[in-house]
Amino acid sequence: MTARARRINAYVLLADPSYLRESISAYYPYVDRIVLSYDRNATSWTGTPLPIDQCLRIIEELDVDAKCVRAPGDFARLEHHPLDNDTFQRQAALDIASEGADWVLQLDTDEVMLDPRTFFDMLARAEQAGAAGLDYPARWLYTRTGPGRYLEVTRRYWQVAASFPGPLAVRAGTVLNHARQANVRLFRVDFAERNTDPWRSSDAVVHAVVPRASAVLHFSWVRDPEAIRRKFAWSGHTRVMRPPKVYRRWVWRTRHPMITALTTPLRRRDDGRYRLSRVPEPPGGAPIVIAFPDATEEQS
């Protein structure tokens, strides 16, 4: 049995067009249907405007086989915590994507598969192992310092670090408990036989190993300064961050990548550790310019 023998759908939360094209294009040939979830009023979980129209235009250009299905809803529930809205929207999208599927991908639109064939081979192994979720490693990119050069999250002495925001594929019908996370049996893939995730214990189980070149690249904070400032406003993590301080730190590290990398062994675990890495540039290199609503729209 191969992953292609199963019916695989996907869902995405439309909000940020920065790497949307690259993200979906990587797995587009491997899935049957992609559910596009977005707030019908183009409003974020924190009440700020989102460039949904720009996202939808990108989808229209890449969806050559008519796989994408629009699923607008009311997700800007301002009386709820943003992370609760995150989970609520993901669950609504996952429920729709589960219809007629065996597995559902749940990649964010700034996550790009470097090696889709290996990813889907690992999904087939997860199926064979009886798992209900695929924990596949991402490389977390903090900022772009030049063409093909990034500050990448690392462990204390610049060793490779795997990031696991939640299973990137789950069985259809899965119930999420926090953002993408679910209390299900996972098939866990890492970059080494011994755990490389700094936030998990060293003896965390590893079922399969892939090279760094087969990772998912997470362009989490790889944006221009204005886009980063806006992203802090709509992110579900806004209430647990200190945006002005975090933003100033991001700007400084972007301007001083060598110092940031060299001082990594001195940093506290929760303060971030980075190394300078060369990674394949997505088509176009730097993130696209986001067409943010103008000031009058933002104030309305």
Protein backbone atom coordinates (compact mmCIF):
# COMPACT_ATOMS: atom_id res chain seq x y z
CA MET A 1 0.00 0.00 0.00
CA THR A 2 1.20 3.53 -0.78
CA ALA A 3 -0.03 6.89 0.43
CA ARG A 4 -1.44 7.53 -3.06
CA ALA A 5 -3.72 4.50 -2.64
CA ARG A 6 -5.51 6.31 0.20
CA ARG A 7 -7.81 9.31 -0.18
CA ILE A 8 -6.02 12.33 1.23
CA ASN A 9 -7.58 15.75 1.65
CA ALA A 10 -6.18 18.93 3.17
CA TYR A 11 -7.36 22.11 4.79
CA VAL A 12 -5.74 25.52 5.01
CA LEU A 13 -6.59 28.61 7.04
CA LEU A 14 -6.43 31.56 4.67
CA ALA A 15 -5.00 34.70 6.27
CA ASP A 16 -1.45 35.33 5.05
CA PRO A 17 -0.50 35.10 1.35
CA SER A 18 3.28 35.26 1.93
CA TYR A 19 4.11 31.61 1.10
CA LEU A 20 0.64 30.39 0.23
CA ARG A 21 1.45 29.49 -3.38
CA GLU A 22 4.62 27.58 -2.47
CA SER A 23 2.96 25.75 0.41
CA ILE A 24 -0.05 24.41 -1.50
CA SER A 25 1.82 23.78 -4.75
CA ALA A 26 4.19 21.36 -3.02
CA TYR A 27 1.47 18.89 -2.02
CA TYR A 28 -1.22 19.79 -4.57
CA PRO A 29 -0.55 16.74 -6.83
CA TYR A 30 -0.84 14.35 -3.88
CA VAL A 31 -4.24 15.33 -2.49
CA ASP A 32 -7.80 15.00 -3.73
CA ARG A 33 -9.41 18.08 -2.17
CA ILE A 34 -8.28 21.21 -0.31
CA VAL A 35 -10.69 23.01 1.99
CA LEU A 36 -10.11 26.76 2.15
CA SER A 37 -11.22 28.07 5.53
CA TYR A 38 -11.49 31.82 6.11
CA ASP A 39 -13.60 34.36 7.93
CA ARG A 40 -16.38 35.58 5.66
CA ASN A 41 -15.78 39.17 6.85
CA ALA A 42 -11.98 38.96 6.34
CA THR A 43 -11.45 39.50 10.06
CA SER A 44 -8.77 37.86 12.22
CA TRP A 45 -9.23 36.10 15.57
CA THR A 46 -8.23 39.38 17.24
CA GLY A 47 -10.52 41.62 15.17
CA THR A 48 -7.99 43.00 12.65
CA PRO A 49 -8.56 42.94 8.86
CA LEU A 50 -7.00 40.16 6.77
CA PRO A 51 -5.94 40.14 3.07
CA ILE A 52 -8.34 37.33 2.17
CA ASP A 53 -9.01 38.58 -1.36
CA GLN A 54 -5.29 38.41 -2.16
CA CYS A 55 -5.17 34.83 -0.84
CA LEU A 56 -8.16 33.82 -2.96
CA ARG A 57 -6.59 35.29 -6.11
CA ILE A 58 -3.47 33.18 -5.55
CA ILE A 59 -5.62 30.07 -5.08
CA GLU A 60 -7.50 30.75 -8.31
CA GLU A 61 -4.21 30.90 -10.21
CA LEU A 62 -2.76 27.65 -8.84
CA ASP A 63 -5.93 25.53 -8.64
CA VAL A 64 -5.65 24.14 -12.17
CA ASP A 65 -7.48 20.90 -11.31
CA ALA A 66 -10.32 22.54 -9.35
CA LYS A 67 -9.39 20.77 -6.10
CA CYS A 68 -9.93 23.76 -3.81
CA VAL A 69 -13.27 24.23 -2.05
CA ARG A 70 -14.17 27.50 -0.33
CA ALA A 71 -15.50 27.20 3.22
CA PRO A 72 -16.09 30.68 4.67
CA GLY A 73 -17.37 30.95 8.24
CA ASP A 74 -17.64 33.19 11.27
CA PHE A 75 -14.36 32.71 13.12
CA ALA A 76 -13.63 36.18 14.50
CA ARG A 77 -15.37 35.44 17.80
CA LEU A 78 -13.89 38.34 19.75
CA GLU A 79 -15.41 37.20 23.03
CA HIS A 80 -13.15 34.13 22.87
CA HIS A 81 -9.39 33.80 23.31
CA PRO A 82 -7.60 33.91 19.92
CA LEU A 83 -6.15 30.43 20.42
CA ASP A 84 -9.64 29.08 21.12
CA ASN A 85 -10.71 30.65 17.82
CA ASP A 86 -7.70 28.99 16.19
CA THR A 87 -8.80 25.56 17.38
CA PHE A 88 -12.44 26.28 16.52
CA GLN A 89 -11.64 27.24 12.93
CA ARG A 90 -9.28 24.33 12.41
CA GLN A 91 -11.85 21.87 13.69
CA ALA A 92 -14.52 23.27 11.40
CA ALA A 93 -12.16 22.96 8.42
CA LEU A 94 -10.98 19.49 9.44
CA ASP A 95 -14.57 18.26 9.74
CA ILE A 96 -15.30 19.35 6.16
CA ALA A 97 -12.01 17.97 4.83
CA SER A 98 -12.70 14.63 6.55
CA GLU A 99 -15.70 13.94 4.33
CA GLY A 100 -14.77 11.07 2.03
CA ALA A 101 -11.14 11.05 3.18
CA ASP A 102 -8.85 8.67 5.03
CA TRP A 103 -6.29 11.32 6.03
CA VAL A 104 -6.27 15.10 6.21
CA LEU A 105 -3.20 17.31 5.86
CA GLN A 106 -3.05 20.32 8.17
CA LEU A 107 -0.15 22.46 7.04
CA ASP A 108 -0.17 26.19 7.62
CA THR A 109 0.29 28.40 4.58
CA ASP A 110 3.83 29.42 5.56
CA GLU A 111 4.99 25.78 5.74
CA VAL A 112 6.57 24.39 2.58
CA MET A 113 7.41 20.72 1.95
CA LEU A 114 10.93 20.30 0.61
CA ASP A 115 10.43 16.62 -0.25
CA PRO A 116 6.76 15.71 -0.76
CA ARG A 117 7.57 12.15 -1.85
CA THR A 118 9.30 11.40 1.45
CA PHE A 119 6.51 13.09 3.40
CA PHE A 120 3.86 10.89 1.80
CA ASP A 121 6.03 7.80 2.19
CA MET A 122 6.10 8.58 5.94
CA LEU A 123 2.33 9.01 5.88
CA ALA A 124 2.03 5.52 4.36
CA ARG A 125 4.23 4.17 7.17
CA ALA A 126 2.06 5.90 9.74
CA GLU A 127 -0.95 4.18 8.18
CA GLN A 128 0.78 0.80 8.29
CA ALA A 129 1.75 1.35 11.95
CA GLY A 130 -1.85 2.01 12.92
CA ALA A 131 -1.15 5.60 13.96
CA ALA A 132 -3.76 8.34 13.85
CA GLY A 133 -1.38 11.25 13.28
CA LEU A 134 1.91 11.97 11.51
CA ASP A 135 4.37 14.07 13.52
CA TYR A 136 6.75 15.24 10.80
CA PRO A 137 9.70 17.56 11.50
CA ALA A 138 9.82 21.18 10.42
CA ARG A 139 12.79 23.52 10.36
CA TRP A 140 11.74 26.81 11.96
CA LEU A 141 13.07 29.82 10.04
CA TYR A 142 13.18 33.04 12.03
CA THR A 143 14.25 35.66 9.50
CA ARG A 144 15.75 35.99 6.03
CA THR A 145 19.20 37.58 6.07
CA GLY A 146 19.90 37.41 2.32
CA PRO A 147 19.18 35.30 -0.77
CA GLY A 148 19.04 31.70 0.41
CA ARG A 149 20.30 32.62 3.90
CA TYR A 150 18.20 32.46 7.05
CA LEU A 151 18.46 32.44 10.80
CA GLU A 152 17.16 28.99 11.71
CA VAL A 153 16.15 27.82 15.18
CA THR A 154 18.76 25.45 16.54
CA ARG A 155 19.84 23.70 19.69
CA ARG A 156 22.44 25.14 22.04
CA TYR A 157 25.55 24.25 20.02
CA TRP A 158 24.01 24.83 16.59
CA GLN A 159 22.76 21.25 16.17
CA VAL A 160 19.74 20.72 13.98
CA ALA A 161 16.43 21.24 15.78
CA ALA A 162 13.13 19.68 14.75
CA SER A 163 9.92 21.62 15.31
CA PHE A 164 6.56 19.90 15.83
CA PRO A 165 3.63 22.36 15.98
CA GLY A 166 1.23 19.42 15.86
CA PRO A 167 0.68 16.46 13.55
CA LEU A 168 0.86 17.59 9.93
CA ALA A 169 -1.56 14.85 8.93
CA VAL A 170 -4.34 13.24 10.95
CA ARG A 171 -6.93 10.59 10.28
CA ALA A 172 -10.25 11.89 9.03
CA GLY A 173 -12.62 12.64 11.89
CA THR A 174 -9.91 13.54 14.39
CA VAL A 175 -10.91 15.87 17.24
CA LEU A 176 -8.38 18.63 17.92
CA ASN A 177 -7.75 19.81 21.47
CA HIS A 178 -5.46 22.82 20.93
CA ALA A 179 -4.70 24.39 17.54
CA ARG A 180 -3.38 21.44 15.46
CA GLN A 181 -2.69 19.19 18.42
CA ALA A 182 -4.76 16.11 19.16
CA ASN A 183 -4.64 13.33 21.72
CA VAL A 184 -4.05 10.57 19.19
CA ARG A 185 -1.43 7.91 18.60
CA LEU A 186 1.38 9.52 16.60
CA PHE A 187 3.93 8.18 14.17
CA ARG A 188 6.87 10.44 14.94
CA VAL A 189 9.54 11.29 12.39
CA ASP A 190 12.74 13.15 13.30
CA PHE A 191 16.15 14.08 11.88
CA ALA A 192 17.99 11.52 14.02
CA GLU A 193 17.26 8.33 15.91
CA ARG A 194 17.50 10.37 19.11
CA ASN A 195 15.05 13.25 19.57
CA THR A 196 16.20 16.62 18.19
CA ASP A 197 13.27 18.73 19.43
CA PRO A 198 14.61 21.06 22.17
CA TRP A 199 11.18 21.16 23.81
CA ARG A 200 10.85 17.41 24.31
CA SER A 201 12.77 15.03 26.50
CA SER A 202 15.84 13.39 25.02
CA ASP A 203 14.21 9.96 25.22
CA ALA A 204 11.12 10.94 23.20
CA VAL A 205 10.25 8.12 20.84
CA VAL A 206 11.36 8.34 17.19
CA HIS A 207 9.77 5.91 14.72
CA ALA A 208 11.54 7.01 11.53
CA VAL A 209 14.37 9.29 10.43
CA VAL A 210 14.55 11.67 7.46
CA PRO A 211 17.39 14.01 6.40
CA ARG A 212 17.22 17.74 7.01
CA ALA A 213 16.80 18.17 3.25
CA SER A 214 13.42 16.41 3.49
CA ALA A 215 12.02 18.70 6.19
CA VAL A 216 9.06 21.02 6.03
CA LEU A 217 10.35 24.60 6.04
CA HIS A 218 8.38 26.82 8.38
CA PHE A 219 8.77 30.43 7.25
CA SER A 220 7.15 31.55 10.48
CA TRP A 221 8.59 35.04 10.89
CA VAL A 222 10.17 35.43 7.46
CA ARG A 223 8.44 38.63 6.38
CA ASP A 224 9.25 42.26 5.79
CA PRO A 225 9.07 44.46 8.92
CA GLU A 226 5.59 45.85 8.20
CA ALA A 227 4.19 42.37 7.60
CA ILE A 228 5.71 41.15 10.88
CA ARG A 229 4.12 44.04 12.76
CA ARG A 230 0.72 43.24 11.27
CA LYS A 231 1.17 39.52 11.86
CA PHE A 232 1.60 40.15 15.58
CA ALA A 233 -1.77 41.90 15.53
CA TRP A 234 -3.73 39.00 14.05
CA SER A 235 -1.83 36.01 15.48
CA GLY A 236 -3.51 33.71 17.95
CA HIS A 237 -0.38 34.02 20.09
CA THR A 238 -0.69 37.79 20.51
CA ARG A 239 -1.95 37.62 24.09
CA VAL A 240 0.95 35.43 25.23
CA MET A 241 3.63 37.55 23.54
CA ARG A 242 4.87 41.07 24.18
CA PRO A 243 4.67 42.33 20.57
CA PRO A 244 6.72 45.57 20.90
CA LYS A 245 9.62 43.81 22.62
CA VAL A 246 9.44 40.75 20.38
CA TYR A 247 9.33 42.94 17.28
CA ARG A 248 12.36 45.03 18.35
CA ARG A 249 14.30 41.85 19.05
CA TRP A 250 13.38 40.44 15.63
CA VAL A 251 14.55 43.63 13.88
CA TRP A 252 17.86 43.61 15.78
CA ARG A 253 18.56 39.95 15.02
CA THR A 254 17.67 40.45 11.36
CA ARG A 255 20.22 43.26 11.17
CA HIS A 256 22.87 41.38 13.17
CA PRO A 257 22.59 37.71 12.15
CA MET A 258 26.25 36.85 12.77
CA ILE A 259 26.22 38.12 16.36
CA THR A 260 22.89 36.37 16.93
CA ALA A 261 24.32 33.05 15.73
CA LEU A 262 27.66 33.37 17.53
CA THR A 263 26.05 34.08 20.91
CA THR A 264 23.62 31.15 20.67
CA PRO A 265 25.39 28.97 23.30
CA LEU A 266 24.98 31.81 25.82
CA ARG A 267 21.24 32.18 25.38
CA ARG A 268 18.58 30.90 27.75
CA ARG A 269 16.46 28.11 26.36
CA ASP A 270 13.34 30.30 26.12
CA ASP A 271 15.25 33.20 24.54
CA GLY A 272 15.88 31.56 21.17
CA ARG A 273 18.94 29.94 19.65
CA TYR A 274 19.80 30.33 15.99
CA ARG A 275 22.32 29.45 13.35
CA LEU A 276 22.90 30.84 9.89
CA SER A 277 21.60 28.35 7.34
CA ARG A 278 21.40 28.08 3.60
CA VAL A 279 18.09 26.65 2.51
CA PRO A 280 16.43 26.31 -0.89
CA GLU A 281 14.63 29.52 -1.73
CA PRO A 282 10.97 29.14 -2.61
CA PRO A 283 10.14 30.48 -6.07
CA GLY A 284 10.44 34.24 -5.90
CA GLY A 285 12.83 34.18 -2.93
CA ALA A 286 11.65 36.88 -0.54
CA PRO A 287 8.01 36.74 0.59
CA ILE A 288 5.50 38.53 -1.61
CA VAL A 289 4.19 41.95 -0.70
CA ILE A 290 0.97 41.65 1.28
CA ALA A 291 -1.89 43.88 0.19
CA PHE A 292 -3.02 44.97 3.64
CA PRO A 293 -6.31 46.87 3.96
CA ASP A 294 -5.73 50.62 4.10
CA ALA A 295 -5.88 52.64 7.29
CA THR A 296 -9.54 53.57 6.93
CA GLU A 297 -10.56 49.94 6.54
CA GLU A 298 -8.41 48.96 9.51
CA GLN A 299 -10.12 51.53 11.73
CA SER A 300 -13.65 50.62 10.70
